[in-house]
């Protein structure tokens, strides 16, 4: 990214996008979920002794269900926000 000297405007090359900023709360919940999933894996593998592959599969299945739940909640939230914006 370059800045022109006279106007102070920034110029970006075409085709590049700026990544959105992730809030601290979002990073906290990502870390919390990852820690719980790692704990779930270790609990199944070491405490329940259900086998490594079974524990990995159970942790990945739980992660998939969590991602699906987050996706549905976010879709409903955006749909509701669009409906409120169109009523104005």
PDB file of N, CA and C in Angstrom:
ATOM      1  N   UNK A   1       0.850  -1.161   0.000  1.00  0.00           N
ATOM      2  CA  UNK A   1       0.000   0.000   0.000  1.00  0.00           C
ATOM      3  C   UNK A   1       0.897   1.224   0.000  1.00  0.00           C
ATOM      4  N   UNK A   2       0.607   2.161  -0.866  1.00  0.00           N
ATOM      5  CA  UNK A   2       1.380   3.392  -0.927  1.00  0.00           C
ATOM      6  C   UNK A   2       0.496   4.566  -0.562  1.00  0.00           C
ATOM      7  N   UNK A   3       1.116   5.623  -0.090  1.00  0.00           N
ATOM      8  CA  UNK A   3       0.391   6.834   0.282  1.00  0.00           C
ATOM      9  C   UNK A   3       0.902   7.968  -0.590  1.00  0.00           C
ATOM     10  N   UNK A   4      -0.015   8.666  -1.244  1.00  0.00           N
ATOM     11  CA  UNK A   4       0.405   9.790  -2.071  1.00  0.00           C
ATOM     12  C   UNK A   4       0.793  10.946  -1.163  1.00  0.00           C
ATOM     13  N   UNK A   5       1.821  11.654  -1.531  1.00  0.00           N
ATOM     14  CA  UNK A   5       2.362  12.705  -0.684  1.00  0.00           C
ATOM     15  C   UNK A   5       1.452  13.904  -0.528  1.00  0.00           C
ATOM     16  N   UNK A   6       0.761  14.322  -1.565  1.00  0.00           N
ATOM     17  CA  UNK A   6      -0.005  15.561  -1.498  1.00  0.00           C
ATOM     18  C   UNK A   6      -1.368  15.380  -0.837  1.00  0.00           C
ATOM     19  N   UNK A   7      -2.103  14.341  -1.183  1.00  0.00           N
ATOM     20  CA  UNK A   7      -3.467  14.202  -0.681  1.00  0.00           C
ATOM     21  C   UNK A   7      -3.565  13.366   0.577  1.00  0.00           C
ATOM     22  N   UNK A   8      -2.571  12.531   0.856  1.00  0.00           N
ATOM     23  CA  UNK A   8      -2.626  11.685   2.034  1.00  0.00           C
ATOM     24  C   UNK A   8      -3.570  10.502   1.881  1.00  0.00           C
ATOM     25  N   UNK A   9      -4.063  10.267   0.665  1.00  0.00           N
ATOM     26  CA  UNK A   9      -4.969   9.141   0.440  1.00  0.00           C
ATOM     27  C   UNK A   9      -4.153   7.889   0.179  1.00  0.00           C
ATOM     28  N   UNK A  10      -4.646   6.772   0.671  1.00  0.00           N
ATOM     29  CA  UNK A  10      -3.948   5.515   0.436  1.00  0.00           C
ATOM     30  C   UNK A  10      -4.495   4.863  -0.830  1.00  0.00           C
ATOM     31  N   UNK A  11      -3.615   4.219  -1.540  1.00  0.00           N
ATOM     32  CA  UNK A  11      -3.989   3.537  -2.779  1.00  0.00           C
ATOM     33  C   UNK A  11      -3.635   2.068  -2.636  1.00  0.00           C
ATOM     34  N   UNK A  12      -4.611   1.204  -2.809  1.00  0.00           N
ATOM     35  CA  UNK A  12      -4.386  -0.230  -2.750  1.00  0.00           C
ATOM     36  C   UNK A  12      -4.395  -0.788  -4.158  1.00  0.00           C
ATOM     37  N   UNK A  13      -3.524  -1.741  -4.412  1.00  0.00           N
ATOM     38  CA  UNK A  13      -3.602  -2.416  -5.705  1.00  0.00           C
ATOM     39  C   UNK A  13      -4.947  -3.122  -5.842  1.00  0.00           C
ATOM     40  N   UNK A  14      -5.485  -3.156  -7.037  1.00  0.00           N
ATOM     41  CA  UNK A  14      -6.782  -3.795  -7.234  1.00  0.00           C
ATOM     42  C   UNK A  14      -6.667  -5.294  -6.994  1.00  0.00           C
ATOM     43  N   UNK A  15      -7.757  -5.876  -6.513  1.00  0.00           N
ATOM     44  CA  UNK A  15      -7.790  -7.311  -6.288  1.00  0.00           C
ATOM     45  C   UNK A  15      -7.424  -7.719  -4.870  1.00  0.00           C
ATOM     46  N   UNK A  16      -6.926  -6.778  -4.073  1.00  0.00           N
ATOM     47  CA  UNK A  16      -6.577  -7.105  -2.691  1.00  0.00           C
ATOM     48  C   UNK A  16      -7.680  -6.607  -1.774  1.00  0.00           C
ATOM     49  N   UNK A  17      -7.995  -7.403  -0.784  1.00  0.00           N
ATOM     50  CA  UNK A  17      -9.014  -6.986   0.176  1.00  0.00           C
ATOM     51  C   UNK A  17      -8.391  -6.895   1.558  1.00  0.00           C
ATOM     52  N   UNK A  18      -9.009  -6.137   2.410  1.00  0.00           N
ATOM     53  CA  UNK A  18      -8.535  -5.975   3.777  1.00  0.00           C
ATOM     54  C   UNK A  18      -9.269  -6.983   4.650  1.00  0.00           C
ATOM     55  N   UNK A  19      -8.520  -7.727   5.444  1.00  0.00           N
ATOM     56  CA  UNK A  19      -9.123  -8.736   6.330  1.00  0.00           C
ATOM     57  C   UNK A  19      -9.877  -8.034   7.452  1.00  0.00           C
ATOM     58  N   UNK A  20     -11.051  -8.540   7.808  1.00  0.00           N
ATOM     59  CA  UNK A  20     -11.792  -7.920   8.914  1.00  0.00           C
ATOM     60  C   UNK A  20     -11.076  -8.165  10.240  1.00  0.00           C
ATOM     61  N   UNK A  21     -11.255  -7.252  11.167  1.00  0.00           N
ATOM     62  CA  UNK A  21     -10.642  -7.363  12.482  1.00  0.00           C
ATOM     63  C   UNK A  21     -11.500  -8.291  13.338  1.00  0.00           C
ATOM     64  N   UNK A  22     -10.852  -9.200  14.036  1.00  0.00           N
ATOM     65  CA  UNK A  22     -11.548 -10.137  14.914  1.00  0.00           C
ATOM     66  C   UNK A  22     -11.475  -9.593  16.332  1.00  0.00           C
ATOM     67  N   UNK A  23     -12.614  -9.517  16.994  1.00  0.00           N
ATOM     68  CA  UNK A  23     -12.655  -8.942  18.338  1.00  0.00           C
ATOM     69  C   UNK A  23     -11.995  -9.869  19.358  1.00  0.00           C
ATOM     70  N   UNK A  24     -11.665  -9.291  20.504  1.00  0.00           N
ATOM     71  CA  UNK A  24     -11.069 -10.085  21.584  1.00  0.00           C
ATOM     72  C   UNK A  24     -12.047 -11.125  22.106  1.00  0.00           C
ATOM     73  N   UNK A  25     -13.321 -10.761  22.149  1.00  0.00           N
ATOM     74  CA  UNK A  25     -14.334 -11.708  22.628  1.00  0.00           C
ATOM     75  C   UNK A  25     -14.408 -12.921  21.701  1.00  0.00           C
ATOM     76  N   UNK A  26     -14.344 -12.687  20.401  1.00  0.00           N
ATOM     77  CA  UNK A  26     -14.373 -13.789  19.441  1.00  0.00           C
ATOM     78  C   UNK A  26     -13.153 -14.683  19.616  1.00  0.00           C
ATOM     79  N   UNK A  27     -11.985 -14.077  19.779  1.00  0.00           N
ATOM     80  CA  UNK A  27     -10.773 -14.864  19.986  1.00  0.00           C
ATOM     81  C   UNK A  27     -10.845 -15.648  21.297  1.00  0.00           C
ATOM     82  N   UNK A  28     -11.443 -15.047  22.329  1.00  0.00           N
ATOM     83  CA  UNK A  28     -11.616 -15.766  23.591  1.00  0.00           C
ATOM     84  C   UNK A  28     -12.473 -17.014  23.384  1.00  0.00           C
ATOM     85  N   UNK A  29     -13.612 -16.871  22.688  1.00  0.00           N
ATOM     86  CA  UNK A  29     -14.506 -18.012  22.500  1.00  0.00           C
ATOM     87  C   UNK A  29     -13.891 -19.065  21.583  1.00  0.00           C
ATOM     88  N   UNK A  30     -13.106 -18.647  20.582  1.00  0.00           N
ATOM     89  CA  UNK A  30     -12.377 -19.625  19.751  1.00  0.00           C
ATOM     90  C   UNK A  30     -11.421 -20.435  20.612  1.00  0.00           C
ATOM     91  N   UNK A  31     -10.665 -19.751  21.453  1.00  0.00           N
ATOM     92  CA  UNK A  31      -9.697 -20.424  22.320  1.00  0.00           C
ATOM     93  C   UNK A  31     -10.399 -21.330  23.325  1.00  0.00           C
ATOM     94  N   UNK A  32     -11.503 -20.850  23.883  1.00  0.00           N
ATOM     95  CA  UNK A  32     -12.278 -21.637  24.841  1.00  0.00           C
ATOM     96  C   UNK A  32     -12.807 -22.918  24.190  1.00  0.00           C
ATOM     97  N   UNK A  33     -13.368 -22.792  22.984  1.00  0.00           N
ATOM     98  CA  UNK A  33     -13.904 -23.965  22.274  1.00  0.00           C
ATOM     99  C   UNK A  33     -12.786 -24.949  21.919  1.00  0.00           C
ATOM    100  N   UNK A  34     -11.649 -24.434  21.468  1.00  0.00           N
ATOM    101  CA  UNK A  34     -10.530 -25.314  21.129  1.00  0.00           C
ATOM    102  C   UNK A  34     -10.016 -26.052  22.356  1.00  0.00           C
ATOM    103  N   UNK A  35      -9.980 -25.368  23.491  1.00  0.00           N
ATOM    104  CA  UNK A  35      -9.532 -25.999  24.736  1.00  0.00           C
ATOM    105  C   UNK A  35     -10.507 -27.091  25.176  1.00  0.00           C
ATOM    106  N   UNK A  36     -11.802 -26.796  25.087  1.00  0.00           N
ATOM    107  CA  UNK A  36     -12.795 -27.816  25.441  1.00  0.00           C
ATOM    108  C   UNK A  36     -12.721 -29.025  24.522  1.00  0.00           C
ATOM    109  N   UNK A  37     -12.536 -28.791  23.223  1.00  0.00           N
ATOM    110  CA  UNK A  37     -12.438 -29.915  22.285  1.00  0.00           C
ATOM    111  C   UNK A  37     -11.186 -30.750  22.547  1.00  0.00           C
ATOM    112  N   UNK A  38     -10.070 -30.084  22.847  1.00  0.00           N
ATOM    113  CA  UNK A  38      -8.852 -30.827  23.176  1.00  0.00           C
ATOM    114  C   UNK A  38      -9.046 -31.620  24.472  1.00  0.00           C
ATOM    115  N   UNK A  39      -9.722 -31.019  25.443  1.00  0.00           N
ATOM    116  CA  UNK A  39     -10.017 -31.732  26.690  1.00  0.00           C
ATOM    117  C   UNK A  39     -10.938 -32.912  26.467  1.00  0.00           C
ATOM    118  N   UNK A  40     -11.921 -32.736  25.601  1.00  0.00           N
ATOM    119  CA  UNK A  40     -12.848 -33.823  25.279  1.00  0.00           C
ATOM    120  C   UNK A  40     -12.106 -34.991  24.633  1.00  0.00           C
ATOM    121  N   UNK A  41     -11.183 -34.658  23.721  1.00  0.00           N
ATOM    122  CA  UNK A  41     -10.368 -35.686  23.081  1.00  0.00           C
ATOM    123  C   UNK A  41      -9.527 -36.428  24.117  1.00  0.00           C
ATOM    124  N   UNK A  42      -8.835 -35.675  24.969  1.00  0.00           N
ATOM    125  CA  UNK A  42      -7.975 -36.306  25.970  1.00  0.00           C
ATOM    126  C   UNK A  42      -8.772 -37.119  26.985  1.00  0.00           C
ATOM    127  N   UNK A  43      -9.952 -36.632  27.360  1.00  0.00           N
ATOM    128  CA  UNK A  43     -10.802 -37.374  28.289  1.00  0.00           C
ATOM    129  C   UNK A  43     -11.207 -38.724  27.689  1.00  0.00           C
ATOM    130  N   UNK A  44     -11.634 -38.715  26.430  1.00  0.00           N
ATOM    131  CA  UNK A  44     -12.032 -39.961  25.789  1.00  0.00           C
ATOM    132  C   UNK A  44     -10.875 -40.914  25.593  1.00  0.00           C
ATOM    133  N   UNK A  45      -9.713 -40.376  25.250  1.00  0.00           N
ATOM    134  CA  UNK A  45      -8.568 -41.218  24.938  1.00  0.00           C
ATOM    135  C   UNK A  45      -7.897 -41.753  26.207  1.00  0.00           C
ATOM    136  N   UNK A  46      -7.668 -40.873  27.178  1.00  0.00           N
ATOM    137  CA  UNK A  46      -6.884 -41.285  28.343  1.00  0.00           C
ATOM    138  C   UNK A  46      -7.729 -41.789  29.516  1.00  0.00           C
ATOM    139  N   UNK A  47      -8.899 -41.202  29.732  1.00  0.00           N
ATOM    140  CA  UNK A  47      -9.715 -41.598  30.878  1.00  0.00           C
ATOM    141  C   UNK A  47     -10.645 -42.745  30.507  1.00  0.00           C
ATOM    142  N   UNK A  48     -11.390 -42.582  29.418  1.00  0.00           N
ATOM    143  CA  UNK A  48     -12.326 -43.627  29.018  1.00  0.00           C
ATOM    144  C   UNK A  48     -11.645 -44.762  28.250  1.00  0.00           C
ATOM    145  N   UNK A  49     -10.426 -44.528  27.780  1.00  0.00           N
ATOM    146  CA  UNK A  49      -9.634 -45.518  27.032  1.00  0.00           C
ATOM    147  C   UNK A  49     -10.417 -46.102  25.850  1.00  0.00           C
ATOM    148  N   UNK A  50     -11.002 -45.191  25.056  1.00  0.00           N
ATOM    149  CA  UNK A  50     -11.793 -45.660  23.917  1.00  0.00           C
ATOM    150  C   UNK A  50     -10.989 -45.739  22.626  1.00  0.00           C
ATOM    151  N   UNK A  51      -9.718 -45.458  22.665  1.00  0.00           N
ATOM    152  CA  UNK A  51      -8.879 -45.554  21.485  1.00  0.00           C
ATOM    153  C   UNK A  51      -8.638 -44.195  20.861  1.00  0.00           C
ATOM    154  N   UNK A  52      -7.480 -44.075  20.242  1.00  0.00           N
ATOM    155  CA  UNK A  52      -7.071 -42.788  19.658  1.00  0.00           C
ATOM    156  C   UNK A  52      -7.991 -42.363  18.525  1.00  0.00           C
ATOM    157  N   UNK A  53      -8.232 -43.265  17.577  1.00  0.00           N
ATOM    158  CA  UNK A  53      -9.040 -42.924  16.401  1.00  0.00           C
ATOM    159  C   UNK A  53     -10.476 -42.597  16.814  1.00  0.00           C
ATOM    160  N   UNK A  54     -11.033 -43.342  17.731  1.00  0.00           N
ATOM    161  CA  UNK A  54     -12.384 -43.054  18.208  1.00  0.00           C
ATOM    162  C   UNK A  54     -12.450 -41.701  18.911  1.00  0.00           C
ATOM    163  N   UNK A  55     -11.421 -41.386  19.685  1.00  0.00           N
ATOM    164  CA  UNK A  55     -11.393 -40.099  20.381  1.00  0.00           C
ATOM    165  C   UNK A  55     -11.258 -38.940  19.403  1.00  0.00           C
ATOM    166  N   UNK A  56     -10.428 -39.105  18.389  1.00  0.00           N
ATOM    167  CA  UNK A  56     -10.294 -38.070  17.355  1.00  0.00           C
ATOM    168  C   UNK A  56     -11.626 -37.887  16.633  1.00  0.00           C
ATOM    169  N   UNK A  57     -12.262 -38.980  16.266  1.00  0.00           N
ATOM    170  CA  UNK A  57     -13.552 -38.900  15.577  1.00  0.00           C
ATOM    171  C   UNK A  57     -14.620 -38.237  16.417  1.00  0.00           C
ATOM    172  N   UNK A  58     -14.637 -38.540  17.700  1.00  0.00           N
ATOM    173  CA  UNK A  58     -15.633 -37.929  18.582  1.00  0.00           C
ATOM    174  C   UNK A  58     -15.378 -36.436  18.744  1.00  0.00           C
ATOM    175  N   UNK A  59     -14.121 -36.050  18.876  1.00  0.00           N
ATOM    176  CA  UNK A  59     -13.786 -34.628  19.003  1.00  0.00           C
ATOM    177  C   UNK A  59     -14.114 -33.880  17.712  1.00  0.00           C
ATOM    178  N   UNK A  60     -13.812 -34.479  16.566  1.00  0.00           N
ATOM    179  CA  UNK A  60     -14.129 -33.828  15.286  1.00  0.00           C
ATOM    180  C   UNK A  60     -15.636 -33.755  15.065  1.00  0.00           C
ATOM    181  N   UNK A  61     -16.355 -34.780  15.480  1.00  0.00           N
ATOM    182  CA  UNK A  61     -17.817 -34.748  15.378  1.00  0.00           C
ATOM    183  C   UNK A  61     -18.410 -33.657  16.257  1.00  0.00           C
ATOM    184  N   UNK A  62     -17.869 -33.498  17.443  1.00  0.00           N
ATOM    185  CA  UNK A  62     -18.325 -32.438  18.341  1.00  0.00           C
ATOM    186  C   UNK A  62     -18.008 -31.069  17.750  1.00  0.00           C
ATOM    187  N   UNK A  63     -16.822 -30.921  17.157  1.00  0.00           N
ATOM    188  CA  UNK A  63     -16.450 -29.660  16.515  1.00  0.00           C
ATOM    189  C   UNK A  63     -17.384 -29.350  15.345  1.00  0.00           C
ATOM    190  N   UNK A  64     -17.730 -30.349  14.567  1.00  0.00           N
ATOM    191  CA  UNK A  64     -18.645 -30.147  13.442  1.00  0.00           C
ATOM    192  C   UNK A  64     -20.026 -29.724  13.920  1.00  0.00           C
ATOM    193  N   UNK A  65     -20.516 -30.355  14.966  1.00  0.00           N
ATOM    194  CA  UNK A  65     -21.814 -29.978  15.520  1.00  0.00           C
ATOM    195  C   UNK A  65     -21.779 -28.553  16.072  1.00  0.00           C
ATOM    196  N   UNK A  66     -20.677 -28.179  16.696  1.00  0.00           N
ATOM    197  CA  UNK A  66     -20.521 -26.821  17.214  1.00  0.00           C
ATOM    198  C   UNK A  66     -20.509 -25.806  16.072  1.00  0.00           C
ATOM    199  N   UNK A  67     -19.775 -26.094  15.008  1.00  0.00           N
ATOM    200  CA  UNK A  67     -19.743 -25.195  13.851  1.00  0.00           C
ATOM    201  C   UNK A  67     -21.109 -25.080  13.185  1.00  0.00           C
ATOM    202  N   UNK A  68     -21.836 -26.182  13.093  1.00  0.00           N
ATOM    203  CA  UNK A  68     -23.179 -26.147  12.516  1.00  0.00           C
ATOM    204  C   UNK A  68     -24.113 -25.293  13.363  1.00  0.00           C
ATOM    205  N   UNK A  69     -24.031 -25.444  14.676  1.00  0.00           N
ATOM    206  CA  UNK A  69     -24.866 -24.650  15.580  1.00  0.00           C
ATOM    207  C   UNK A  69     -24.551 -23.165  15.443  1.00  0.00           C
ATOM    208  N   UNK A  70     -23.277 -22.820  15.412  1.00  0.00           N
ATOM    209  CA  UNK A  70     -22.875 -21.420  15.250  1.00  0.00           C
ATOM    210  C   UNK A  70     -23.367 -20.873  13.926  1.00  0.00           C
ATOM    211  N   UNK A  71     -23.278 -21.662  12.870  1.00  0.00           N
ATOM    212  CA  UNK A  71     -23.731 -21.237  11.548  1.00  0.00           C
ATOM    213  C   UNK A  71     -25.225 -20.957  11.520  1.00  0.00           C
ATOM    214  N   UNK A  72     -26.012 -21.828  12.119  1.00  0.00           N
ATOM    215  CA  UNK A  72     -27.469 -21.642  12.148  1.00  0.00           C
ATOM    216  C   UNK A  72     -27.840 -20.413  12.969  1.00  0.00           C
ATOM    217  N   UNK A  73     -27.208 -20.234  14.122  1.00  0.00           N
ATOM    218  CA  UNK A  73     -27.501 -19.078  14.965  1.00  0.00           C
ATOM    219  C   UNK A  73     -27.135 -17.783  14.242  1.00  0.00           C
ATOM    220  N   UNK A  74     -25.984 -17.755  13.595  1.00  0.00           N
ATOM    221  CA  UNK A  74     -25.566 -16.556  12.872  1.00  0.00           C
ATOM    222  C   UNK A  74     -26.476 -16.265  11.687  1.00  0.00           C
ATOM    223  N   UNK A  75     -26.912 -17.288  10.978  1.00  0.00           N
ATOM    224  CA  UNK A  75     -27.837 -17.080   9.858  1.00  0.00           C
ATOM    225  C   UNK A  75     -29.166 -16.509  10.343  1.00  0.00           C
ATOM    226  N   UNK A  76     -29.670 -17.021  11.449  1.00  0.00           N
ATOM    227  CA  UNK A  76     -30.917 -16.497  12.009  1.00  0.00           C
ATOM    228  C   UNK A  76     -30.741 -15.062  12.480  1.00  0.00           C
ATOM    229  N   UNK A  77     -29.599 -14.774  13.077  1.00  0.00           N
ATOM    230  CA  UNK A  77     -29.324 -13.417  13.545  1.00  0.00           C
ATOM    231  C   UNK A  77     -29.257 -12.430  12.388  1.00  0.00           C
ATOM    232  N   UNK A  78     -28.583 -12.812  11.307  1.00  0.00           N
ATOM    233  CA  UNK A  78     -28.494 -11.924  10.141  1.00  0.00           C
ATOM    234  C   UNK A  78     -29.847 -11.751   9.464  1.00  0.00           C
ATOM    235  N   UNK A  79     -30.631 -12.822   9.418  1.00  0.00           N
ATOM    236  CA  UNK A  79     -31.959 -12.730   8.809  1.00  0.00           C
ATOM    237  C   UNK A  79     -32.835 -11.770   9.617  1.00  0.00           C
ATOM    238  N   UNK A  80     -32.763 -11.866  10.921  1.00  0.00           N
ATOM    239  CA  UNK A  80     -33.554 -10.988  11.772  1.00  0.00           C
ATOM    240  C   UNK A  80     -33.090  -9.536  11.634  1.00  0.00           C
ATOM    241  N   UNK A  81     -31.771  -9.317  11.512  1.00  0.00           N
ATOM    242  CA  UNK A  81     -31.248  -7.964  11.352  1.00  0.00           C
ATOM    243  C   UNK A  81     -31.669  -7.362  10.019  1.00  0.00           C
ATOM    244  N   UNK A  82     -31.703  -8.179   8.957  1.00  0.00           N
ATOM    245  CA  UNK A  82     -32.163  -7.688   7.650  1.00  0.00           C
ATOM    246  C   UNK A  82     -33.636  -7.336   7.694  1.00  0.00           C
ATOM    247  N   UNK A  83     -34.438  -8.151   8.386  1.00  0.00           N
ATOM    248  CA  UNK A  83     -35.862  -7.881   8.510  1.00  0.00           C
ATOM    249  C   UNK A  83     -36.123  -6.590   9.254  1.00  0.00           C
ATOM    250  N   UNK A  84     -35.358  -6.336  10.305  1.00  0.00           N
ATOM    251  CA  UNK A  84     -35.514  -5.092  11.068  1.00  0.00           C
ATOM    252  C   UNK A  84     -35.090  -3.890  10.246  1.00  0.00           C
ATOM    253  N   UNK A  85     -34.052  -4.059   9.418  1.00  0.00           N
ATOM    254  CA  UNK A  85     -33.568  -2.948   8.587  1.00  0.00           C
ATOM    255  C   UNK A  85     -34.554  -2.642   7.472  1.00  0.00           C
ATOM    256  N   UNK A  86     -35.235  -3.645   6.939  1.00  0.00           N
ATOM    257  CA  UNK A  86     -36.181  -3.407   5.838  1.00  0.00           C
ATOM    258  C   UNK A  86     -37.497  -2.785   6.330  1.00  0.00           C
ATOM    259  N   UNK A  87     -37.794  -2.934   7.624  1.00  0.00           N
ATOM    260  CA  UNK A  87     -39.021  -2.347   8.184  1.00  0.00           C
ATOM    261  C   UNK A  87     -38.889  -0.845   8.405  1.00  0.00           C
ATOM    262  N   UNK A  88     -37.678  -0.352   8.441  1.00  0.00           N
ATOM    263  CA  UNK A  88     -37.471   1.084   8.701  1.00  0.00           C
ATOM    264  C   UNK A  88     -37.831   1.935   7.554  1.00  0.00           C
TER     265      UNK A  88
END
